[in-house]
Protein backbone atom coordinates (compact mmCIF):
# COMPACT_ATOMS: atom_id res chain seq x y z
CA UNK A 1 0.00 0.00 0.00
CA UNK A 2 1.39 3.36 -1.01
CA UNK A 3 0.75 6.68 0.66
CA UNK A 4 -1.40 7.78 -2.28
CA UNK A 5 -3.57 4.69 -1.94
CA UNK A 6 -3.96 5.42 1.75
CA UNK A 7 -5.18 8.96 1.09
CA UNK A 8 -7.53 8.00 -1.76
CA UNK A 9 -8.99 5.06 0.23
CA UNK A 10 -10.31 3.22 -2.77
CA UNK A 11 -12.01 6.28 -4.24
CA UNK A 12 -13.73 7.31 -1.01
CA UNK A 13 -10.87 9.35 0.41
CA UNK A 14 -12.46 12.72 -0.35
CA UNK A 15 -15.56 11.88 1.69
CA UNK A 16 -13.59 10.29 4.50
CA UNK A 17 -11.17 13.21 4.87
CA UNK A 18 -13.99 15.76 4.65
CA UNK A 19 -15.87 13.94 7.42
CA UNK A 20 -12.72 13.83 9.58
CA UNK A 21 -12.16 17.54 8.98
CA UNK A 22 -15.73 18.48 9.85
CA UNK A 23 -15.59 16.35 12.99
CA UNK A 24 -12.38 18.04 14.14
CA UNK A 25 -13.89 21.44 13.36
CA UNK A 26 -16.99 20.73 15.45
CA UNK A 27 -14.87 19.45 18.34
CA UNK A 28 -12.66 22.54 18.20
CA UNK A 29 -15.68 24.85 18.19
CA UNK A 30 -17.15 22.96 21.16
CA UNK A 31 -13.94 23.61 23.08
CA UNK A 32 -13.21 27.18 22.00
CA UNK A 33 -16.66 28.82 22.20
CA UNK A 34 -17.29 28.06 25.89
CA UNK A 35 -13.86 29.48 26.77
CA UNK A 36 -14.63 32.69 24.90
CA UNK A 37 -18.11 32.93 26.44
CA UNK A 38 -16.70 32.39 29.94
CA UNK A 39 -14.20 35.21 29.45
CA UNK A 40 -16.96 37.53 28.26
CA UNK A 41 -19.18 36.57 31.19
CA UNK A 42 -16.41 37.17 33.73
CA UNK A 43 -15.58 40.50 32.11
CA UNK A 44 -19.25 41.58 32.30
CA UNK A 45 -19.52 40.51 35.93
CA UNK A 46 -16.39 42.48 36.80
CA UNK A 47 -17.87 45.58 35.15
CA UNK A 48 -21.12 45.15 37.08
CA UNK A 49 -19.28 44.91 40.39
CA UNK A 50 -17.34 48.10 39.67
CA UNK A 51 -20.62 50.03 39.39
C-alpha atoms as a PDB file:
ATOM      1  CA  UNK A   1       0.000   0.000   0.000  1.00  0.00           C
ATOM      2  CA  UNK A   2       1.389   3.364  -1.012  1.00  0.00           C
ATOM      3  CA  UNK A   3       0.753   6.684   0.655  1.00  0.00           C
ATOM      4  CA  UNK A   4      -1.395   7.785  -2.276  1.00  0.00           C
ATOM      5  CA  UNK A   5      -3.574   4.687  -1.937  1.00  0.00           C
ATOM      6  CA  UNK A   6      -3.957   5.417   1.751  1.00  0.00           C
ATOM      7  CA  UNK A   7      -5.177   8.964   1.088  1.00  0.00           C
ATOM      8  CA  UNK A   8      -7.533   7.997  -1.759  1.00  0.00           C
ATOM      9  CA  UNK A   9      -8.986   5.056   0.229  1.00  0.00           C
ATOM     10  CA  UNK A  10     -10.307   3.219  -2.773  1.00  0.00           C
ATOM     11  CA  UNK A  11     -12.008   6.284  -4.238  1.00  0.00           C
ATOM     12  CA  UNK A  12     -13.733   7.307  -1.010  1.00  0.00           C
ATOM     13  CA  UNK A  13     -10.866   9.352   0.412  1.00  0.00           C
ATOM     14  CA  UNK A  14     -12.463  12.715  -0.347  1.00  0.00           C
ATOM     15  CA  UNK A  15     -15.563  11.880   1.694  1.00  0.00           C
ATOM     16  CA  UNK A  16     -13.593  10.287   4.503  1.00  0.00           C
ATOM     17  CA  UNK A  17     -11.173  13.212   4.868  1.00  0.00           C
ATOM     18  CA  UNK A  18     -13.994  15.760   4.651  1.00  0.00           C
ATOM     19  CA  UNK A  19     -15.868  13.941   7.424  1.00  0.00           C
ATOM     20  CA  UNK A  20     -12.716  13.831   9.582  1.00  0.00           C
ATOM     21  CA  UNK A  21     -12.158  17.540   8.977  1.00  0.00           C
ATOM     22  CA  UNK A  22     -15.726  18.482   9.853  1.00  0.00           C
ATOM     23  CA  UNK A  23     -15.586  16.348  12.988  1.00  0.00           C
ATOM     24  CA  UNK A  24     -12.385  18.039  14.135  1.00  0.00           C
ATOM     25  CA  UNK A  25     -13.887  21.441  13.357  1.00  0.00           C
ATOM     26  CA  UNK A  26     -16.990  20.727  15.452  1.00  0.00           C
ATOM     27  CA  UNK A  27     -14.871  19.448  18.339  1.00  0.00           C
ATOM     28  CA  UNK A  28     -12.655  22.539  18.201  1.00  0.00           C
ATOM     29  CA  UNK A  29     -15.685  24.846  18.188  1.00  0.00           C
ATOM     30  CA  UNK A  30     -17.147  22.958  21.163  1.00  0.00           C
ATOM     31  CA  UNK A  31     -13.936  23.608  23.079  1.00  0.00           C
ATOM     32  CA  UNK A  32     -13.205  27.184  21.995  1.00  0.00           C
ATOM     33  CA  UNK A  33     -16.655  28.817  22.200  1.00  0.00           C
ATOM     34  CA  UNK A  34     -17.285  28.062  25.889  1.00  0.00           C
ATOM     35  CA  UNK A  35     -13.864  29.476  26.770  1.00  0.00           C
ATOM     36  CA  UNK A  36     -14.634  32.690  24.900  1.00  0.00           C
ATOM     37  CA  UNK A  37     -18.107  32.931  26.438  1.00  0.00           C
ATOM     38  CA  UNK A  38     -16.700  32.394  29.936  1.00  0.00           C
ATOM     39  CA  UNK A  39     -14.196  35.208  29.452  1.00  0.00           C
ATOM     40  CA  UNK A  40     -16.960  37.530  28.262  1.00  0.00           C
ATOM     41  CA  UNK A  41     -19.176  36.566  31.193  1.00  0.00           C
ATOM     42  CA  UNK A  42     -16.412  37.173  33.734  1.00  0.00           C
ATOM     43  CA  UNK A  43     -15.585  40.505  32.113  1.00  0.00           C
ATOM     44  CA  UNK A  44     -19.246  41.580  32.302  1.00  0.00           C
ATOM     45  CA  UNK A  45     -19.519  40.508  35.935  1.00  0.00           C
ATOM     46  CA  UNK A  46     -16.392  42.478  36.801  1.00  0.00           C
ATOM     47  CA  UNK A  47     -17.865  45.579  35.152  1.00  0.00           C
ATOM     48  CA  UNK A  48     -21.125  45.152  37.080  1.00  0.00           C
ATOM     49  CA  UNK A  49     -19.277  44.914  40.388  1.00  0.00           C
ATOM     50  CA  UNK A  50     -17.337  48.104  39.671  1.00  0.00           C
ATOM     51  CA  UNK A  51     -20.621  50.031  39.391  1.00  0.00           C
END
